[in-house]
Amino acid sequence: MSTCCLNELLIRYSAPTLAGIKTGNLFAVTKRLDKNLKKSIAQFNFQANQKNIRLIPIKCQANRTLLYIYRPKFLEQDFRCKTCKYFLGNLGYPVEKASACLREYISRLSKSHEFLHEIGFFLGYPAEDVIGFIKRGPKEAKCNATWLVYSDVTRAQHTAKTYKTCSKIYYTNWQKGRSIESLTVPI
């Protein structure tokens, strides 16, 4: 995969994280984790490191790689949430450090045939919504605001609208020739 193709996917699916208004995003590339994809990820990380943003593969399959882009400082802040720590702690996660929880999540996901829905904690979704989905399932959600909402619908709809607007602005600017480096906000 070329860096250009990866950049387009990053812009399309991760603009809120690039903009510094969301903890993380998750997206798949229809390619196995080969040396070209590893090189593209390394190039992105080299440029993005100074802006406190990381891109990592979290699940590798034969013809698909799931990538996670995130802001480590935001993740640490999100994991200070007592509800998040309590819930993940009960699942056996090492909640003292967000980075340790992320490593544990990746390890569990690699061994699982199913998607692990605690990913919502790593994406910056409200703890009540992540837990609501895990415990109650999709049928009991109050609404879908790019994630299933079980708590504050008004706040979720406003946040989802902000993410959508950000994504449109970023994609338009990228199509006009702005580089991904210039669109990545330093935090």
Protein backbone atom coordinates (compact mmCIF):
# COMPACT_ATOMS: atom_id res chain seq x y z
CA MET A 1 0.00 0.00 0.00
CA SER A 2 1.38 3.37 -0.92
CA THR A 3 1.60 6.21 1.56
CA CYS A 4 -0.79 8.20 -0.64
CA CYS A 5 -3.50 5.52 -0.35
CA LEU A 6 -3.01 5.25 3.40
CA ASN A 7 -3.25 9.03 3.71
CA GLU A 8 -6.59 9.04 1.90
CA LEU A 9 -7.95 6.41 4.28
CA LEU A 10 -6.64 8.39 7.25
CA ILE A 11 -8.38 11.53 5.99
CA ARG A 12 -11.64 9.72 5.21
CA TYR A 13 -11.91 7.74 8.43
CA SER A 14 -9.80 9.55 11.03
CA ALA A 15 -10.18 13.30 10.51
CA PRO A 16 -11.55 13.95 14.03
CA THR A 17 -8.47 12.29 15.56
CA LEU A 18 -6.14 14.16 13.19
CA ALA A 19 -7.92 17.38 14.18
CA GLY A 20 -7.43 16.69 17.87
CA ILE A 21 -11.14 16.48 18.74
CA LYS A 22 -11.37 12.70 19.21
CA THR A 23 -9.23 10.17 21.04
CA GLY A 24 -9.06 7.58 18.30
CA ASN A 25 -10.46 6.04 15.16
CA LEU A 26 -10.47 2.57 13.75
CA PHE A 27 -10.46 1.57 10.08
CA ALA A 28 -9.55 -1.40 7.93
CA VAL A 29 -7.34 -1.65 4.89
CA THR A 30 -7.98 -4.50 2.49
CA LYS A 31 -4.41 -5.63 2.60
CA ARG A 32 -2.38 -7.87 4.84
CA LEU A 33 0.31 -6.30 6.98
CA ASP A 34 3.21 -6.60 4.55
CA LYS A 35 6.47 -4.64 4.32
CA ASN A 36 4.87 -1.89 2.19
CA LEU A 37 2.05 -1.27 4.67
CA LYS A 38 4.53 -1.38 7.56
CA LYS A 39 6.67 1.19 5.73
CA SER A 40 3.66 3.49 5.16
CA ILE A 41 2.68 3.23 8.83
CA ALA A 42 6.27 3.94 9.91
CA GLN A 43 6.46 6.99 7.62
CA PHE A 44 3.20 8.35 9.02
CA ASN A 45 4.33 7.76 12.61
CA PHE A 46 7.69 9.40 12.00
CA GLN A 47 5.96 12.59 10.86
CA ALA A 48 3.08 12.41 13.35
CA ASN A 49 5.13 11.54 16.44
CA GLN A 50 5.89 15.19 17.22
CA LYS A 51 2.15 15.92 17.06
CA ASN A 52 1.32 13.24 19.67
CA ILE A 53 -0.52 10.88 17.38
CA ARG A 54 0.10 7.19 16.64
CA LEU A 55 -1.05 4.70 14.03
CA ILE A 56 -0.81 0.99 14.83
CA PRO A 57 -2.15 -2.27 13.42
CA ILE A 58 -4.38 -3.96 16.00
CA LYS A 59 -5.57 -7.02 14.08
CA CYS A 60 -3.91 -8.64 11.10
CA GLN A 61 -5.66 -11.14 8.89
CA ALA A 62 -4.82 -12.70 5.53
CA ASN A 63 -6.30 -9.93 3.38
CA ARG A 64 -7.25 -7.28 5.90
CA THR A 65 -5.51 -5.18 8.53
CA LEU A 66 -7.38 -3.24 11.19
CA LEU A 67 -5.61 0.03 12.01
CA TYR A 68 -6.03 2.19 15.08
CA ILE A 69 -5.01 5.85 15.08
CA TYR A 70 -5.03 7.59 18.43
CA ARG A 71 -3.80 10.40 20.62
CA PRO A 72 -1.88 8.84 23.55
CA LYS A 73 -2.43 11.88 25.79
CA PHE A 74 -6.18 11.76 25.15
CA LEU A 75 -6.23 8.03 25.83
CA GLU A 76 -4.47 8.53 29.17
CA GLN A 77 -7.00 11.23 30.04
CA ASP A 78 -9.97 9.06 29.02
CA PHE A 79 -8.65 6.19 31.13
CA ARG A 80 -8.75 8.34 34.25
CA CYS A 81 -12.52 7.83 34.15
CA LYS A 82 -13.45 5.76 37.20
CA THR A 83 -16.29 4.02 35.35
CA CYS A 84 -13.95 2.98 32.53
CA LYS A 85 -11.26 1.76 34.94
CA TYR A 86 -13.77 -0.16 37.04
CA PHE A 87 -15.39 -1.85 34.05
CA LEU A 88 -12.12 -2.77 32.32
CA GLY A 89 -10.59 -3.82 35.64
CA ASN A 90 -13.44 -6.28 36.14
CA LEU A 91 -12.64 -7.70 32.70
CA GLY A 92 -9.03 -8.25 33.81
CA TYR A 93 -7.40 -5.31 32.04
CA PRO A 94 -4.31 -3.71 33.65
CA VAL A 95 -6.03 -0.36 34.27
CA GLU A 96 -3.09 1.44 35.88
CA LYS A 97 -1.88 2.61 32.43
CA ALA A 98 -3.83 3.20 29.23
CA SER A 99 -0.91 1.91 27.15
CA ALA A 100 -0.99 -1.39 29.07
CA CYS A 101 -4.75 -1.64 28.48
CA LEU A 102 -4.19 -1.04 24.77
CA ARG A 103 -1.58 -3.80 24.58
CA GLU A 104 -3.98 -6.13 26.41
CA TYR A 105 -6.83 -5.23 24.06
CA ILE A 106 -4.64 -5.97 21.01
CA SER A 107 -3.58 -9.30 22.53
CA ARG A 108 -7.18 -10.30 23.25
CA LEU A 109 -8.40 -9.17 19.82
CA SER A 110 -5.70 -11.20 18.07
CA LYS A 111 -6.97 -14.36 19.79
CA SER A 112 -10.66 -13.65 19.29
CA HIS A 113 -12.89 -14.54 16.36
CA GLU A 114 -15.33 -11.85 17.47
CA PHE A 115 -14.95 -8.10 17.76
CA LEU A 116 -14.33 -6.91 21.32
CA HIS A 117 -16.69 -4.04 22.01
CA GLU A 118 -14.63 -2.48 24.77
CA ILE A 119 -12.85 -0.79 21.84
CA GLY A 120 -15.29 2.07 22.45
CA PHE A 121 -13.19 3.08 25.46
CA PHE A 122 -10.17 3.41 23.16
CA LEU A 123 -12.12 5.51 20.65
CA GLY A 124 -13.20 8.12 23.17
CA TYR A 125 -16.88 7.22 23.37
CA PRO A 126 -18.70 7.93 26.65
CA ALA A 127 -18.22 5.12 29.15
CA GLU A 128 -21.99 4.86 29.68
CA ASP A 129 -22.48 4.20 25.96
CA VAL A 130 -19.71 1.60 25.72
CA ILE A 131 -21.01 -0.26 28.77
CA GLY A 132 -24.61 0.14 27.58
CA PHE A 133 -23.79 -1.56 24.30
CA ILE A 134 -21.85 -4.39 25.94
CA LYS A 135 -24.47 -5.07 28.62
CA ARG A 136 -27.73 -4.26 26.82
CA GLY A 137 -27.06 -4.77 23.12
CA PRO A 138 -28.02 -2.64 20.14
CA LYS A 139 -31.81 -2.90 20.48
CA GLU A 140 -31.91 -0.83 23.67
CA ALA A 141 -29.91 2.12 22.32
CA LYS A 142 -31.61 5.51 22.37
CA CYS A 143 -30.09 6.50 19.02
CA ASN A 144 -27.20 5.94 16.62
CA ALA A 145 -24.81 8.88 16.45
CA THR A 146 -22.01 6.97 14.64
CA TRP A 147 -21.95 4.92 17.85
CA LEU A 148 -24.92 3.56 19.76
CA VAL A 149 -26.03 5.95 22.48
CA TYR A 150 -27.43 4.91 25.85
CA SER A 151 -26.83 8.14 27.78
CA ASP A 152 -26.97 11.78 26.64
CA VAL A 153 -28.57 11.82 23.17
CA THR A 154 -28.28 15.58 22.68
CA ARG A 155 -24.57 15.61 23.49
CA ALA A 156 -23.95 12.55 21.30
CA GLN A 157 -25.78 14.07 18.32
CA HIS A 158 -23.83 17.32 18.68
CA THR A 159 -20.54 15.41 18.89
CA ALA A 160 -21.42 13.25 15.87
CA LYS A 161 -22.30 16.36 13.86
CA THR A 162 -18.95 17.91 14.81
CA TYR A 163 -17.11 14.75 13.67
CA LYS A 164 -19.01 14.70 10.37
CA THR A 165 -18.31 18.39 9.69
CA CYS A 166 -14.64 17.89 10.53
CA SER A 167 -14.41 14.92 8.16
CA LYS A 168 -15.96 16.91 5.30
CA ILE A 169 -13.65 19.87 5.84
CA TYR A 170 -10.58 17.66 6.04
CA TYR A 171 -11.44 15.68 2.94
CA THR A 172 -12.15 18.84 0.94
CA ASN A 173 -8.86 20.41 2.04
CA TRP A 174 -6.95 17.21 1.30
CA GLN A 175 -8.48 17.06 -2.20
CA LYS A 176 -7.34 20.66 -2.73
CA GLY A 177 -3.75 19.60 -2.05
CA ARG A 178 -3.26 20.08 1.69
CA SER A 179 -0.92 17.44 3.08
CA ILE A 180 -1.89 15.11 5.88
CA GLU A 181 1.00 16.59 7.88
CA SER A 182 -0.47 20.10 7.61
CA LEU A 183 -3.92 18.81 8.56
CA THR A 184 -2.66 16.97 11.66
CA VAL A 185 -3.03 19.24 14.67
CA PRO A 186 -0.21 19.16 17.24
CA ILE A 187 -1.43 18.52 20.79
